[in-house]
Amino acid sequence: MIVALLTANYATRVLLATVLCLAGMAKLINPAYTAKTIQNFRLVSKRMSAAVGIGLPIVEIGIVLGLIIPITVVVMSVIAVAIFSIQ
């Protein structure tokens, strides 16, 4: 039973890390488009959209690393939930 829970926990972390990695890489490929999309949502000002367009993918990829390293899983999981609730 415990092994199954640990396996499911790890599989969930890997799945979330994969989604965030793909999303971050897609945003890093075209930061101008990412900034324009963020600007269209009107979550931040026009001046801030460029910084968020570059910063958000970096944060997402940082969370990927944190989800894989066992000691940082709890903190990174909370940050991942916060990012998903904003987007």
PDB file of N, CA and C in Angstrom:
ATOM      1  N   MET A   1       0.823  -1.200   0.000  1.00  0.00           N
ATOM      2  CA  MET A   1       0.000   0.000   0.000  1.00  0.00           C
ATOM      3  C   MET A   1       0.866   1.263   0.000  1.00  0.00           C
ATOM      4  N   ILE A   2       1.875   1.298   0.866  1.00  0.00           N
ATOM      5  CA  ILE A   2       2.737   2.475   0.952  1.00  0.00           C
ATOM      6  C   ILE A   2       3.542   2.646  -0.336  1.00  0.00           C
ATOM      7  N   VAL A   3       3.992   1.541  -0.898  1.00  0.00           N
ATOM      8  CA  VAL A   3       4.754   1.611  -2.146  1.00  0.00           C
ATOM      9  C   VAL A   3       3.888   2.181  -3.265  1.00  0.00           C
ATOM     10  N   ALA A   4       2.631   1.774  -3.302  1.00  0.00           N
ATOM     11  CA  ALA A   4       1.717   2.288  -4.323  1.00  0.00           C
ATOM     12  C   ALA A   4       1.502   3.792  -4.162  1.00  0.00           C
ATOM     13  N   LEU A   5       1.383   4.256  -2.925  1.00  0.00           N
ATOM     14  CA  LEU A   5       1.209   5.687  -2.687  1.00  0.00           C
ATOM     15  C   LEU A   5       2.453   6.474  -3.069  1.00  0.00           C
ATOM     16  N   LEU A   6       3.612   5.942  -2.737  1.00  0.00           N
ATOM     17  CA  LEU A   6       4.852   6.622  -3.112  1.00  0.00           C
ATOM     18  C   LEU A   6       5.032   6.667  -4.622  1.00  0.00           C
ATOM     19  N   THR A   7       4.662   5.594  -5.283  1.00  0.00           N
ATOM     20  CA  THR A   7       4.753   5.547  -6.739  1.00  0.00           C
ATOM     21  C   THR A   7       3.786   6.547  -7.366  1.00  0.00           C
ATOM     22  N   ALA A   8       2.568   6.615  -6.848  1.00  0.00           N
ATOM     23  CA  ALA A   8       1.586   7.571  -7.363  1.00  0.00           C
ATOM     24  C   ALA A   8       2.042   8.999  -7.099  1.00  0.00           C
ATOM     25  N   ASN A   9       2.620   9.234  -5.931  1.00  0.00           N
ATOM     26  CA  ASN A   9       3.126  10.560  -5.600  1.00  0.00           C
ATOM     27  C   ASN A   9       4.225  10.964  -6.580  1.00  0.00           C
ATOM     28  N   TYR A  10       5.161  10.080  -6.822  1.00  0.00           N
ATOM     29  CA  TYR A  10       6.255  10.382  -7.746  1.00  0.00           C
ATOM     30  C   TYR A  10       5.728  10.567  -9.167  1.00  0.00           C
ATOM     31  N   ALA A  11       4.792   9.720  -9.580  1.00  0.00           N
ATOM     32  CA  ALA A  11       4.231   9.829 -10.934  1.00  0.00           C
ATOM     33  C   ALA A  11       3.507  11.162 -11.114  1.00  0.00           C
ATOM     34  N   THR A  12       2.809  11.605 -10.086  1.00  0.00           N
ATOM     35  CA  THR A  12       2.118  12.885 -10.152  1.00  0.00           C
ATOM     36  C   THR A  12       3.112  14.032 -10.254  1.00  0.00           C
ATOM     37  N   ARG A  13       4.197  13.960  -9.485  1.00  0.00           N
ATOM     38  CA  ARG A  13       5.224  14.996  -9.560  1.00  0.00           C
ATOM     39  C   ARG A  13       5.864  15.040 -10.943  1.00  0.00           C
ATOM     40  N   VAL A  14       6.136  13.888 -11.506  1.00  0.00           N
ATOM     41  CA  VAL A  14       6.749  13.830 -12.837  1.00  0.00           C
ATOM     42  C   VAL A  14       5.791  14.379 -13.889  1.00  0.00           C
ATOM     43  N   LEU A  15       4.505  14.049 -13.770  1.00  0.00           N
ATOM     44  CA  LEU A  15       3.511  14.556 -14.718  1.00  0.00           C
ATOM     45  C   LEU A  15       3.415  16.080 -14.632  1.00  0.00           C
ATOM     46  N   LEU A  16       3.335  16.608 -13.422  1.00  0.00           N
ATOM     47  CA  LEU A  16       3.264  18.054 -13.250  1.00  0.00           C
ATOM     48  C   LEU A  16       4.542  18.722 -13.750  1.00  0.00           C
ATOM     49  N   ALA A  17       5.682  18.123 -13.470  1.00  0.00           N
ATOM     50  CA  ALA A  17       6.953  18.666 -13.947  1.00  0.00           C
ATOM     51  C   ALA A  17       7.012  18.670 -15.474  1.00  0.00           C
ATOM     52  N   THR A  18       6.485  17.627 -16.104  1.00  0.00           N
ATOM     53  CA  THR A  18       6.467  17.551 -17.565  1.00  0.00           C
ATOM     54  C   THR A  18       5.608  18.657 -18.155  1.00  0.00           C
ATOM     55  N   VAL A  19       4.426  18.863 -17.588  1.00  0.00           N
ATOM     56  CA  VAL A  19       3.523  19.907 -18.076  1.00  0.00           C
ATOM     57  C   VAL A  19       4.175  21.282 -17.931  1.00  0.00           C
ATOM     58  N   LEU A  20       4.756  21.546 -16.760  1.00  0.00           N
ATOM     59  CA  LEU A  20       5.400  22.839 -16.545  1.00  0.00           C
ATOM     60  C   LEU A  20       6.625  23.028 -17.434  1.00  0.00           C
ATOM     61  N   CYS A  21       7.365  21.974 -17.668  1.00  0.00           N
ATOM     62  CA  CYS A  21       8.544  22.064 -18.530  1.00  0.00           C
ATOM     63  C   CYS A  21       8.133  22.387 -19.970  1.00  0.00           C
ATOM     64  N   LEU A  22       7.129  21.707 -20.462  1.00  0.00           N
ATOM     65  CA  LEU A  22       6.652  21.973 -21.824  1.00  0.00           C
ATOM     66  C   LEU A  22       6.099  23.388 -21.941  1.00  0.00           C
ATOM     67  N   ALA A  23       5.340  23.817 -20.934  1.00  0.00           N
ATOM     68  CA  ALA A  23       4.780  25.169 -20.959  1.00  0.00           C
ATOM     69  C   ALA A  23       5.886  26.216 -20.895  1.00  0.00           C
ATOM     70  N   GLY A  24       6.858  26.002 -20.023  1.00  0.00           N
ATOM     71  CA  GLY A  24       7.963  26.953 -19.903  1.00  0.00           C
ATOM     72  C   GLY A  24       8.798  27.033 -21.165  1.00  0.00           C
ATOM     73  N   MET A  25       9.098  25.891 -21.756  1.00  0.00           N
ATOM     74  CA  MET A  25       9.895  25.884 -22.979  1.00  0.00           C
ATOM     75  C   MET A  25       9.145  26.552 -24.135  1.00  0.00           C
ATOM     76  N   ALA A  26       7.844  26.301 -24.237  1.00  0.00           N
ATOM     77  CA  ALA A  26       7.054  26.930 -25.294  1.00  0.00           C
ATOM     78  C   ALA A  26       7.049  28.445 -25.140  1.00  0.00           C
ATOM     79  N   LYS A  27       6.989  28.913 -23.895  1.00  0.00           N
ATOM     80  CA  LYS A  27       6.992  30.361 -23.657  1.00  0.00           C
ATOM     81  C   LYS A  27       8.374  30.961 -23.901  1.00  0.00           C
ATOM     82  N   LEU A  28       9.419  30.215 -23.616  1.00  0.00           N
ATOM     83  CA  LEU A  28      10.780  30.725 -23.837  1.00  0.00           C
ATOM     84  C   LEU A  28      11.144  30.805 -25.311  1.00  0.00           C
ATOM     85  N   ILE A  29      10.521  29.975 -26.125  1.00  0.00           N
ATOM     86  CA  ILE A  29      10.819  29.979 -27.560  1.00  0.00           C
ATOM     87  C   ILE A  29      10.433  31.318 -28.187  1.00  0.00           C
ATOM     88  N   ASN A  30       9.294  31.872 -27.760  1.00  0.00           N
ATOM     89  CA  ASN A  30       8.825  33.128 -28.331  1.00  0.00           C
ATOM     90  C   ASN A  30       8.382  34.068 -27.214  1.00  0.00           C
ATOM     91  N   PRO A  31       9.332  34.740 -26.550  1.00  0.00           N
ATOM     92  CA  PRO A  31       8.963  35.595 -25.421  1.00  0.00           C
ATOM     93  C   PRO A  31       8.111  36.803 -25.815  1.00  0.00           C
ATOM     94  N   ALA A  32       8.254  37.288 -27.043  1.00  0.00           N
ATOM     95  CA  ALA A  32       7.435  38.428 -27.476  1.00  0.00           C
ATOM     96  C   ALA A  32       5.961  38.033 -27.544  1.00  0.00           C
ATOM     97  N   TYR A  33       5.693  36.838 -28.059  1.00  0.00           N
ATOM     98  CA  TYR A  33       4.309  36.353 -28.124  1.00  0.00           C
ATOM     99  C   TYR A  33       3.760  36.107 -26.716  1.00  0.00           C
ATOM    100  N   THR A  34       4.609  35.595 -25.843  1.00  0.00           N
ATOM    101  CA  THR A  34       4.197  35.369 -24.459  1.00  0.00           C
ATOM    102  C   THR A  34       3.841  36.691 -23.794  1.00  0.00           C
ATOM    103  N   ALA A  35       4.667  37.703 -23.989  1.00  0.00           N
ATOM    104  CA  ALA A  35       4.403  39.023 -23.409  1.00  0.00           C
ATOM    105  C   ALA A  35       3.113  39.617 -23.965  1.00  0.00           C
ATOM    106  N   LYS A  36       2.889  39.448 -25.251  1.00  0.00           N
ATOM    107  CA  LYS A  36       1.660  39.972 -25.876  1.00  0.00           C
ATOM    108  C   LYS A  36       0.433  39.248 -25.320  1.00  0.00           C
ATOM    109  N   THR A  37       0.531  37.954 -25.138  1.00  0.00           N
ATOM    110  CA  THR A  37      -0.584  37.188 -24.580  1.00  0.00           C
ATOM    111  C   THR A  37      -0.880  37.625 -23.155  1.00  0.00           C
ATOM    112  N   ILE A  38       0.159  37.807 -22.358  1.00  0.00           N
ATOM    113  CA  ILE A  38      -0.023  38.277 -20.988  1.00  0.00           C
ATOM    114  C   ILE A  38      -0.644  39.673 -20.989  1.00  0.00           C
ATOM    115  N   GLN A  39      -0.216  40.504 -21.904  1.00  0.00           N
ATOM    116  CA  GLN A  39      -0.770  41.851 -22.024  1.00  0.00           C
ATOM    117  C   GLN A  39      -2.260  41.791 -22.384  1.00  0.00           C
ATOM    118  N   ASN A  40      -2.641  40.864 -23.243  1.00  0.00           N
ATOM    119  CA  ASN A  40      -4.044  40.731 -23.637  1.00  0.00           C
ATOM    120  C   ASN A  40      -4.940  40.291 -22.487  1.00  0.00           C
ATOM    121  N   PHE A  41      -4.392  39.538 -21.532  1.00  0.00           N
ATOM    122  CA  PHE A  41      -5.168  39.136 -20.366  1.00  0.00           C
ATOM    123  C   PHE A  41      -5.379  40.296 -19.391  1.00  0.00           C
ATOM    124  N   ARG A  42      -4.587  41.340 -19.545  1.00  0.00           N
ATOM    125  CA  ARG A  42      -4.646  42.537 -18.693  1.00  0.00           C
ATOM    126  C   ARG A  42      -4.484  42.212 -17.210  1.00  0.00           C
ATOM    127  N   LEU A  43      -3.595  41.270 -16.930  1.00  0.00           N
ATOM    128  CA  LEU A  43      -3.279  40.942 -15.542  1.00  0.00           C
ATOM    129  C   LEU A  43      -2.226  41.880 -14.985  1.00  0.00           C
ATOM    130  N   VAL A  44      -1.354  42.339 -15.849  1.00  0.00           N
ATOM    131  CA  VAL A  44      -0.310  43.289 -15.459  1.00  0.00           C
ATOM    132  C   VAL A  44      -0.298  44.417 -16.488  1.00  0.00           C
ATOM    133  N   SER A  45       0.413  45.488 -16.168  1.00  0.00           N
ATOM    134  CA  SER A  45       0.488  46.623 -17.084  1.00  0.00           C
ATOM    135  C   SER A  45       1.274  46.243 -18.343  1.00  0.00           C
ATOM    136  N   LYS A  46       1.166  47.096 -19.340  1.00  0.00           N
ATOM    137  CA  LYS A  46       1.868  46.853 -20.610  1.00  0.00           C
ATOM    138  C   LYS A  46       3.377  46.808 -20.397  1.00  0.00           C
ATOM    139  N   ARG A  47       3.881  47.652 -19.512  1.00  0.00           N
ATOM    140  CA  ARG A  47       5.326  47.690 -19.250  1.00  0.00           C
ATOM    141  C   ARG A  47       5.795  46.426 -18.543  1.00  0.00           C
ATOM    142  N   MET A  48       4.954  45.885 -17.685  1.00  0.00           N
ATOM    143  CA  MET A  48       5.327  44.698 -16.913  1.00  0.00           C
ATOM    144  C   MET A  48       5.173  43.402 -17.713  1.00  0.00           C
ATOM    145  N   SER A  49       4.378  43.440 -18.767  1.00  0.00           N
ATOM    146  CA  SER A  49       4.108  42.202 -19.509  1.00  0.00           C
ATOM    147  C   SER A  49       5.376  41.607 -20.116  1.00  0.00           C
ATOM    148  N   ALA A  50       6.319  42.449 -20.533  1.00  0.00           N
ATOM    149  CA  ALA A  50       7.575  41.928 -21.093  1.00  0.00           C
ATOM    150  C   ALA A  50       8.384  41.206 -20.027  1.00  0.00           C
ATOM    151  N   ALA A  51       8.451  41.785 -18.834  1.00  0.00           N
ATOM    152  CA  ALA A  51       9.197  41.152 -17.742  1.00  0.00           C
ATOM    153  C   ALA A  51       8.527  39.850 -17.301  1.00  0.00           C
ATOM    154  N   VAL A  52       7.218  39.873 -17.214  1.00  0.00           N
ATOM    155  CA  VAL A  52       6.489  38.655 -16.829  1.00  0.00           C
ATOM    156  C   VAL A  52       6.608  37.601 -17.926  1.00  0.00           C
ATOM    157  N   GLY A  53       6.621  38.037 -19.175  1.00  0.00           N
ATOM    158  CA  GLY A  53       6.769  37.105 -20.299  1.00  0.00           C
ATOM    159  C   GLY A  53       8.091  36.363 -20.279  1.00  0.00           C
ATOM    160  N   ILE A  54       9.113  36.973 -19.731  1.00  0.00           N
ATOM    161  CA  ILE A  54      10.408  36.310 -19.607  1.00  0.00           C
ATOM    162  C   ILE A  54      10.519  35.588 -18.265  1.00  0.00           C
ATOM    163  N   GLY A  55       9.985  36.208 -17.214  1.00  0.00           N
ATOM    164  CA  GLY A  55      10.116  35.641 -15.865  1.00  0.00           C
ATOM    165  C   GLY A  55       9.261  34.414 -15.621  1.00  0.00           C
ATOM    166  N   LEU A  56       8.047  34.392 -16.156  1.00  0.00           N
ATOM    167  CA  LEU A  56       7.150  33.260 -15.914  1.00  0.00           C
ATOM    168  C   LEU A  56       7.717  31.930 -16.406  1.00  0.00           C
ATOM    169  N   PRO A  57       8.263  31.849 -17.622  1.00  0.00           N
ATOM    170  CA  PRO A  57       8.842  30.572 -18.052  1.00  0.00           C
ATOM    171  C   PRO A  57      10.039  30.142 -17.203  1.00  0.00           C
ATOM    172  N   ILE A  58      10.813  31.117 -16.754  1.00  0.00           N
ATOM    173  CA  ILE A  58      11.956  30.785 -15.905  1.00  0.00           C
ATOM    174  C   ILE A  58      11.479  30.219 -14.574  1.00  0.00           C
ATOM    175  N   VAL A  59      10.441  30.817 -14.018  1.00  0.00           N
ATOM    176  CA  VAL A  59       9.861  30.304 -12.766  1.00  0.00           C
ATOM    177  C   VAL A  59       9.296  28.906 -12.982  1.00  0.00           C
ATOM    178  N   GLU A  60       8.608  28.701 -14.097  1.00  0.00           N
ATOM    179  CA  GLU A  60       8.038  27.375 -14.374  1.00  0.00           C
ATOM    180  C   GLU A  60       9.136  26.317 -14.475  1.00  0.00           C
ATOM    181  N   ILE A  61      10.216  26.626 -15.143  1.00  0.00           N
ATOM    182  CA  ILE A  61      11.297  25.657 -15.273  1.00  0.00           C
ATOM    183  C   ILE A  61      11.997  25.449 -13.926  1.00  0.00           C
ATOM    184  N   GLY A  62      12.095  26.494 -13.125  1.00  0.00           N
ATOM    185  CA  GLY A  62      12.630  26.349 -11.775  1.00  0.00           C
ATOM    186  C   GLY A  62      11.774  25.436 -10.915  1.00  0.00           C
ATOM    187  N   ILE A  63      10.461  25.534 -11.071  1.00  0.00           N
ATOM    188  CA  ILE A  63       9.559  24.647 -10.336  1.00  0.00           C
ATOM    189  C   ILE A  63       9.760  23.205 -10.778  1.00  0.00           C
ATOM    190  N   VAL A  64      10.023  22.999 -12.056  1.00  0.00           N
ATOM    191  CA  VAL A  64      10.292  21.644 -12.560  1.00  0.00           C
ATOM    192  C   VAL A  64      11.465  21.031 -11.800  1.00  0.00           C
ATOM    193  N   LEU A  65      12.527  21.784 -11.670  1.00  0.00           N
ATOM    194  CA  LEU A  65      13.687  21.273 -10.935  1.00  0.00           C
ATOM    195  C   LEU A  65      13.336  21.008  -9.476  1.00  0.00           C
ATOM    196  N   GLY A  66      12.541  21.896  -8.886  1.00  0.00           N
ATOM    197  CA  GLY A  66      12.143  21.715  -7.501  1.00  0.00           C
ATOM    198  C   GLY A  66      11.236  20.531  -7.270  1.00  0.00           C
ATOM    199  N   LEU A  67      10.425  20.187  -8.258  1.00  0.00           N
ATOM    200  CA  LEU A  67       9.541  19.027  -8.121  1.00  0.00           C
ATOM    201  C   LEU A  67      10.302  17.714  -8.214  1.00  0.00           C
ATOM    202  N   ILE A  68      11.427  17.732  -8.870  1.00  0.00           N
ATOM    203  CA  ILE A  68      12.210  16.507  -9.023  1.00  0.00           C
ATOM    204  C   ILE A  68      13.112  16.272  -7.808  1.00  0.00           C
ATOM    205  N   ILE A  69      13.624  17.355  -7.208  1.00  0.00           N
ATOM    206  CA  ILE A  69      14.497  17.228  -6.041  1.00  0.00           C
ATOM    207  C   ILE A  69      13.632  17.013  -4.797  1.00  0.00           C
ATOM    208  N   PRO A  70      13.777  15.885  -4.107  1.00  0.00           N
ATOM    209  CA  PRO A  70      12.858  15.540  -3.013  1.00  0.00           C
ATOM    210  C   PRO A  70      12.776  16.559  -1.876  1.00  0.00           C
ATOM    211  N   ILE A  71      13.851  17.227  -1.540  1.00  0.00           N
ATOM    212  CA  ILE A  71      13.828  18.119  -0.376  1.00  0.00           C
ATOM    213  C   ILE A  71      13.005  19.393  -0.624  1.00  0.00           C
ATOM    214  N   THR A  72      12.796  19.755  -1.871  1.00  0.00           N
ATOM    215  CA  THR A  72      12.078  20.986  -2.197  1.00  0.00           C
ATOM    216  C   THR A  72      10.662  20.751  -2.710  1.00  0.00           C
ATOM    217  N   VAL A  73      10.189  19.534  -2.641  1.00  0.00           N
ATOM    218  CA  VAL A  73       8.899  19.188  -3.251  1.00  0.00           C
ATOM    219  C   VAL A  73       7.736  19.970  -2.648  1.00  0.00           C
ATOM    220  N   VAL A  74       7.676  20.078  -1.344  1.00  0.00           N
ATOM    221  CA  VAL A  74       6.529  20.723  -0.703  1.00  0.00           C
ATOM    222  C   VAL A  74       6.450  22.196  -1.097  1.00  0.00           C
ATOM    223  N   VAL A  75       7.554  22.893  -1.016  1.00  0.00           N
ATOM    224  CA  VAL A  75       7.565  24.321  -1.356  1.00  0.00           C
ATOM    225  C   VAL A  75       7.220  24.526  -2.826  1.00  0.00           C
ATOM    226  N   MET A  76       7.810  23.745  -3.688  1.00  0.00           N
ATOM    227  CA  MET A  76       7.559  23.894  -5.118  1.00  0.00           C
ATOM    228  C   MET A  76       6.133  23.492  -5.494  1.00  0.00           C
ATOM    229  N   SER A  77       5.562  22.547  -4.782  1.00  0.00           N
ATOM    230  CA  SER A  77       4.174  22.171  -5.043  1.00  0.00           C
ATOM    231  C   SER A  77       3.234  23.328  -4.727  1.00  0.00           C
ATOM    232  N   VAL A  78       3.492  24.021  -3.640  1.00  0.00           N
ATOM    233  CA  VAL A  78       2.672  25.180  -3.280  1.00  0.00           C
ATOM    234  C   VAL A  78       2.818  26.279  -4.325  1.00  0.00           C
ATOM    235  N   ILE A  79       4.034  26.522  -4.771  1.00  0.00           N
ATOM    236  CA  ILE A  79       4.259  27.541  -5.803  1.00  0.00           C
ATOM    237  C   ILE A  79       3.583  27.140  -7.114  1.00  0.00           C
ATOM    238  N   ALA A  80       3.648  25.866  -7.463  1.00  0.00           N
ATOM    239  CA  ALA A  80       3.000  25.386  -8.693  1.00  0.00           C
ATOM    240  C   ALA A  80       1.488  25.591  -8.622  1.00  0.00           C
ATOM    241  N   VAL A  81       0.899  25.289  -7.476  1.00  0.00           N
ATOM    242  CA  VAL A  81      -0.549  25.498  -7.317  1.00  0.00           C
ATOM    243  C   VAL A  81      -0.879  26.989  -7.452  1.00  0.00           C
ATOM    244  N   ALA A  82      -0.039  27.841  -6.881  1.00  0.00           N
ATOM    245  CA  ALA A  82      -0.273  29.286  -6.991  1.00  0.00           C
ATOM    246  C   ALA A  82      -0.205  29.748  -8.448  1.00  0.00           C
ATOM    247  N   ILE A  83       0.764  29.231  -9.184  1.00  0.00           N
ATOM    248  CA  ILE A  83       0.873  29.627 -10.600  1.00  0.00           C
ATOM    249  C   ILE A  83      -0.317  29.118 -11.396  1.00  0.00           C
ATOM    250  N   PHE A  84      -0.750  27.893 -11.157  1.00  0.00           N
ATOM    251  CA  PHE A  84      -1.904  27.371 -11.883  1.00  0.00           C
ATOM    252  C   PHE A  84      -3.166  28.121 -11.524  1.00  0.00           C
ATOM    253  N   SER A  85      -3.283  28.624 -10.316  1.00  0.00           N
ATOM    254  CA  SER A  85      -4.486  29.362  -9.941  1.00  0.00           C
ATOM    255  C   SER A  85      -4.509  30.753 -10.567  1.00  0.00           C
ATOM    256  N   ILE A  86      -3.327  31.311 -10.855  1.00  0.00           N
ATOM    257  CA  ILE A  86      -3.257  32.625 -11.503  1.00  0.00           C
ATOM    258  C   ILE A  86      -3.533  32.498 -12.989  1.00  0.00           C
ATOM    259  N   GLN A  87      -2.982  31.485 -13.619  1.00  0.00           N
ATOM    260  CA  GLN A  87      -3.143  31.333 -15.069  1.00  0.00           C
ATOM    261  C   GLN A  87      -4.516  30.884 -15.326  1.00  0.00           C
TER     262      GLN A  87
END
